[in-house]
């Protein structure tokens, strides 16, 4: 099981590549790639979760020695691009620039705060509570999602739909880990410090992360680049 985390990440890259190649426009491919590159940096937060949430065997045993691992960068890269492009890929949505006048509307004044709300809430909860980091992540992502919803209500349909689509994809993806590595979840995840609830062998917390990440992250590109989706 030493390379299970690496292989699981590489499977995600196969999914990412399949989605990427299926995109018809160069702009969509560029968007997916750029978001994935930036999202990969979230993999650097792994020391917050190891060993408090889980402790996966990793390449060169980096996770246990430093908290960091290469696999987390691969994983973050994969999920970032997939989440941000799902809605567009399935519903063939197109984008257009928001007018400068609209950017100065009352709700858009909270644009930066809505984006920064996730790391702010995460840090506040880390410093003031004893919650496991996975729960703090879910709370912060949900809070950021609703902050985005308030600031950019035009994105709410994409956010909700993307959250559930990504949940389904992540559920199926996680099943590959269970099928190929029976018992891996019980050995690697710290089920004693979280709910311990397994849904078809998948920790409940992983599914909560999937739906909350899909809810917030699916809107990040439009939010950062002042774009909206046509004909929602």
Protein backbone atom coordinates (compact mmCIF):
# COMPACT_ATOMS: atom_id res chain seq x y z
CA UNK A 1 0.00 0.00 0.00
CA UNK A 2 3.05 2.25 -0.06
CA UNK A 3 2.13 3.69 -3.46
CA UNK A 4 -1.67 3.73 -3.11
CA UNK A 5 -1.80 7.50 -2.57
CA UNK A 6 0.41 8.09 -5.61
CA UNK A 7 -1.56 5.72 -7.83
CA UNK A 8 -4.83 7.25 -6.66
CA UNK A 9 -3.52 10.70 -7.58
CA UNK A 10 -2.42 9.46 -11.00
CA UNK A 11 -5.89 8.04 -11.61
CA UNK A 12 -7.24 11.52 -10.95
CA UNK A 13 -4.80 12.91 -13.50
CA UNK A 14 -6.21 10.46 -16.04
CA UNK A 15 -9.70 11.81 -15.31
CA UNK A 16 -8.36 15.38 -15.55
CA UNK A 17 -6.68 14.65 -18.89
CA UNK A 18 -9.83 13.04 -20.27
CA UNK A 19 -11.91 16.09 -19.36
CA UNK A 20 -9.24 18.46 -20.67
CA UNK A 21 -9.00 16.75 -24.06
CA UNK A 22 -12.79 16.72 -24.38
CA UNK A 23 -12.99 20.51 -24.16
CA UNK A 24 -13.62 22.10 -27.52
CA UNK A 25 -12.30 25.62 -27.04
CA UNK A 26 -8.73 26.68 -26.39
CA UNK A 27 -10.02 29.21 -23.86
CA UNK A 28 -11.68 26.46 -21.80
CA UNK A 29 -8.52 24.39 -21.80
CA UNK A 30 -6.48 27.41 -20.75
CA UNK A 31 -8.95 28.15 -17.94
CA UNK A 32 -8.85 24.58 -16.66
CA UNK A 33 -5.06 24.44 -16.73
CA UNK A 34 -4.54 27.79 -15.01
CA UNK A 35 -7.00 27.01 -12.23
CA UNK A 36 -5.41 23.59 -11.72
CA UNK A 37 -1.93 25.08 -11.41
CA UNK A 38 -3.08 27.57 -8.79
CA UNK A 39 -5.17 24.97 -6.96
CA UNK A 40 -2.17 22.66 -6.72
CA UNK A 41 -0.74 25.11 -4.19
CA UNK A 42 -3.47 23.98 -1.79
CA UNK A 43 -1.51 20.75 -1.56
CA UNK A 44 0.99 22.67 0.55
CA UNK A 45 -1.59 22.77 3.36
CA UNK A 46 -1.19 19.02 3.87
CA UNK A 47 0.77 19.41 7.16
CA UNK A 48 -2.46 20.74 8.68
CA UNK A 49 -4.12 17.38 8.05
CA UNK A 50 -1.24 14.95 8.71
CA UNK A 51 -1.53 13.21 11.11
CA UNK A 52 -4.56 14.96 12.63
CA UNK A 53 -6.94 13.68 9.94
CA UNK A 54 -5.03 10.96 8.14
CA UNK A 55 -1.51 9.65 7.63
CA UNK A 56 -1.01 8.21 4.13
CA UNK A 57 2.18 6.38 3.13
CA UNK A 58 3.81 8.59 0.51
CA UNK A 59 6.76 8.82 -1.86
CA UNK A 60 10.04 8.91 0.07
CA UNK A 61 7.92 8.76 3.24
CA UNK A 62 7.60 12.55 3.03
CA UNK A 63 4.18 12.75 4.69
CA UNK A 64 5.30 11.12 7.94
CA UNK A 65 8.64 12.98 7.96
CA UNK A 66 7.53 16.48 6.99
CA UNK A 67 3.74 16.54 6.61
CA UNK A 68 4.22 17.53 2.96
CA UNK A 69 3.98 15.07 0.06
CA UNK A 70 4.08 15.15 -3.72
CA UNK A 71 0.79 13.29 -4.00
CA UNK A 72 -1.15 16.15 -2.39
CA UNK A 73 0.06 18.53 -5.09
CA UNK A 74 -1.14 16.09 -7.76
CA UNK A 75 -4.49 15.64 -6.04
CA UNK A 76 -5.09 19.38 -5.61
CA UNK A 77 -4.10 20.01 -9.24
CA UNK A 78 -6.63 17.44 -10.43
CA UNK A 79 -9.67 18.41 -8.40
CA UNK A 80 -9.19 22.17 -8.98
CA UNK A 81 -9.43 22.03 -12.75
CA UNK A 82 -12.19 19.43 -12.80
CA UNK A 83 -14.45 21.35 -10.42
CA UNK A 84 -14.09 24.67 -12.20
CA UNK A 85 -14.89 23.24 -15.66
CA UNK A 86 -17.59 20.64 -14.88
CA UNK A 87 -20.62 22.83 -15.39
CA UNK A 88 -19.28 24.38 -18.57
CA UNK A 89 -18.34 20.97 -19.99
CA UNK A 90 -21.70 19.33 -19.31
CA UNK A 91 -24.03 22.22 -20.14
CA UNK A 92 -21.83 23.89 -22.77
CA UNK A 93 -22.06 27.20 -20.94
CA UNK A 94 -20.23 30.24 -22.26
CA UNK A 95 -18.78 33.26 -20.49
CA UNK A 96 -18.90 36.98 -20.98
CA UNK A 97 -17.20 39.85 -19.20
CA UNK A 98 -19.17 41.73 -16.55
CA UNK A 99 -19.46 45.41 -17.39
CA UNK A 100 -17.40 47.89 -15.38
CA UNK A 101 -20.62 49.52 -14.16
CA UNK A 102 -21.95 46.20 -12.84
CA UNK A 103 -18.67 45.53 -11.06
CA UNK A 104 -19.39 48.53 -8.85
CA UNK A 105 -22.84 47.36 -7.78
CA UNK A 106 -23.52 47.20 -4.04
CA UNK A 107 -23.03 43.45 -3.66
CA UNK A 108 -19.87 43.39 -5.72
CA UNK A 109 -18.26 45.66 -3.16
CA UNK A 110 -17.75 42.51 -1.10
CA UNK A 111 -15.97 40.73 -3.95
CA UNK A 112 -12.55 40.48 -2.28
CA UNK A 113 -13.99 39.69 1.14
CA UNK A 114 -16.05 36.84 -0.29
CA UNK A 115 -12.96 35.29 -1.86
CA UNK A 116 -10.83 35.75 1.26
CA UNK A 117 -13.56 34.51 3.61
CA UNK A 118 -12.43 30.89 3.25
CA UNK A 119 -8.86 31.34 4.55
CA UNK A 120 -10.08 33.86 7.15
CA UNK A 121 -12.71 31.51 8.57
CA UNK A 122 -10.27 28.60 8.39
CA UNK A 123 -7.59 30.45 10.38
CA UNK A 124 -10.06 31.75 12.94
CA UNK A 125 -11.44 28.28 13.62
CA UNK A 126 -7.96 26.75 13.72
CA UNK A 127 -6.91 29.27 16.36
CA UNK A 128 -10.06 29.25 18.46
CA UNK A 129 -11.44 25.70 18.33
CA UNK A 130 -10.34 22.10 18.73
CA UNK A 131 -12.19 20.94 15.64
CA UNK A 132 -10.45 18.51 13.32
CA UNK A 133 -8.99 20.38 10.30
CA UNK A 134 -11.29 18.51 7.91
CA UNK A 135 -14.38 19.95 9.60
CA UNK A 136 -12.82 23.40 9.64
CA UNK A 137 -12.18 23.07 5.91
CA UNK A 138 -15.79 22.10 5.20
CA UNK A 139 -17.17 24.96 7.32
CA UNK A 140 -14.83 27.49 5.69
CA UNK A 141 -15.71 26.31 2.17
CA UNK A 142 -19.45 26.42 2.85
CA UNK A 143 -19.12 29.88 4.39
CA UNK A 144 -17.10 31.04 1.38
CA UNK A 145 -19.68 29.53 -0.94
CA UNK A 146 -22.54 31.45 0.62
CA UNK A 147 -20.45 34.62 0.72
CA UNK A 148 -19.88 34.18 -3.01
CA UNK A 149 -23.57 33.46 -3.52
CA UNK A 150 -24.44 36.77 -1.84
CA UNK A 151 -21.85 38.68 -3.84
CA UNK A 152 -22.50 36.87 -7.14
CA UNK A 153 -26.07 35.46 -7.08
CA UNK A 154 -25.83 34.91 -10.82
CA UNK A 155 -23.46 32.00 -10.11
CA UNK A 156 -25.72 30.13 -7.69
CA UNK A 157 -27.01 27.61 -10.23
CA UNK A 158 -23.50 26.70 -11.34
CA UNK A 159 -22.35 26.39 -7.73
CA UNK A 160 -25.18 24.11 -6.64
CA UNK A 161 -25.09 21.90 -9.72
CA UNK A 162 -21.30 21.66 -9.69
CA UNK A 163 -21.29 20.72 -6.01
CA UNK A 164 -23.50 17.69 -6.60
CA UNK A 165 -21.83 16.67 -9.85
CA UNK A 166 -18.43 16.74 -8.21
CA UNK A 167 -19.80 14.80 -5.23
CA UNK A 168 -20.91 12.01 -7.58
CA UNK A 169 -17.60 12.01 -9.47
CA UNK A 170 -15.59 12.03 -6.24
CA UNK A 171 -17.73 9.21 -4.82
CA UNK A 172 -17.03 7.00 -7.83
CA UNK A 173 -13.37 8.04 -7.81
CA UNK A 174 -13.00 7.15 -4.14
CA UNK A 175 -14.48 3.73 -4.80
CA UNK A 176 -11.45 2.93 -6.98
CA UNK A 177 -9.26 3.29 -3.89
CA UNK A 178 -11.47 0.94 -1.89
CA UNK A 179 -11.64 -1.65 -4.66
CA UNK A 180 -7.90 -1.78 -5.33
CA UNK A 181 -6.79 -1.35 -1.72
CA UNK A 182 -9.25 -3.00 0.68
CA UNK A 183 -8.66 -1.87 4.25
CA UNK A 184 -6.68 1.20 3.19
CA UNK A 185 -9.22 3.64 4.64
CA UNK A 186 -9.18 1.94 8.04
CA UNK A 187 -5.37 2.00 8.11
CA UNK A 188 -4.80 5.55 6.89
CA UNK A 189 -7.73 7.70 8.01
CA UNK A 190 -7.97 8.48 11.74
CA UNK A 191 -11.51 7.27 12.12
CA UNK A 192 -11.18 7.47 15.91
CA UNK A 193 -10.96 11.29 15.89
CA UNK A 194 -13.65 11.94 13.27
CA UNK A 195 -17.18 10.58 12.95
CA UNK A 196 -16.07 7.09 11.94
CA UNK A 197 -19.06 6.91 9.62
CA UNK A 198 -18.31 5.08 6.38
CA UNK A 199 -20.64 5.24 3.39
CA UNK A 200 -19.86 2.24 1.18
CA UNK A 201 -16.43 2.35 2.81
CA UNK A 202 -15.92 6.09 2.19
CA UNK A 203 -15.45 8.37 5.22
CA UNK A 204 -18.37 10.76 5.56
CA UNK A 205 -15.89 13.63 5.90
CA UNK A 206 -14.52 13.00 2.41
CA UNK A 207 -17.97 13.39 0.91
CA UNK A 208 -18.61 16.55 2.93
CA UNK A 209 -15.33 17.93 1.62
CA UNK A 210 -16.27 17.04 -1.97
CA UNK A 211 -19.63 18.81 -1.92
CA UNK A 212 -18.33 21.88 -0.07
CA UNK A 213 -15.27 22.18 -2.32
CA UNK A 214 -17.42 21.86 -5.42
CA UNK A 215 -19.83 24.46 -4.05
CA UNK A 216 -17.19 27.14 -3.49
CA UNK A 217 -14.43 26.36 -5.98
CA UNK A 218 -16.70 26.03 -9.01
CA UNK A 219 -17.24 29.80 -8.90
CA UNK A 220 -13.64 30.86 -8.33
CA UNK A 221 -12.72 31.56 -11.96
CA UNK A 222 -15.77 33.72 -12.69
CA UNK A 223 -15.32 35.52 -9.41
CA UNK A 224 -11.65 36.32 -9.90
CA UNK A 225 -11.95 37.34 -13.55
CA UNK A 226 -15.26 39.25 -13.39
CA UNK A 227 -17.03 36.96 -15.81
CA UNK A 228 -20.58 35.63 -15.87
CA UNK A 229 -22.18 32.66 -17.53
CA UNK A 230 -24.54 33.27 -20.43
CA UNK A 231 -28.09 31.94 -20.43
CA UNK A 232 -28.10 30.47 -16.94
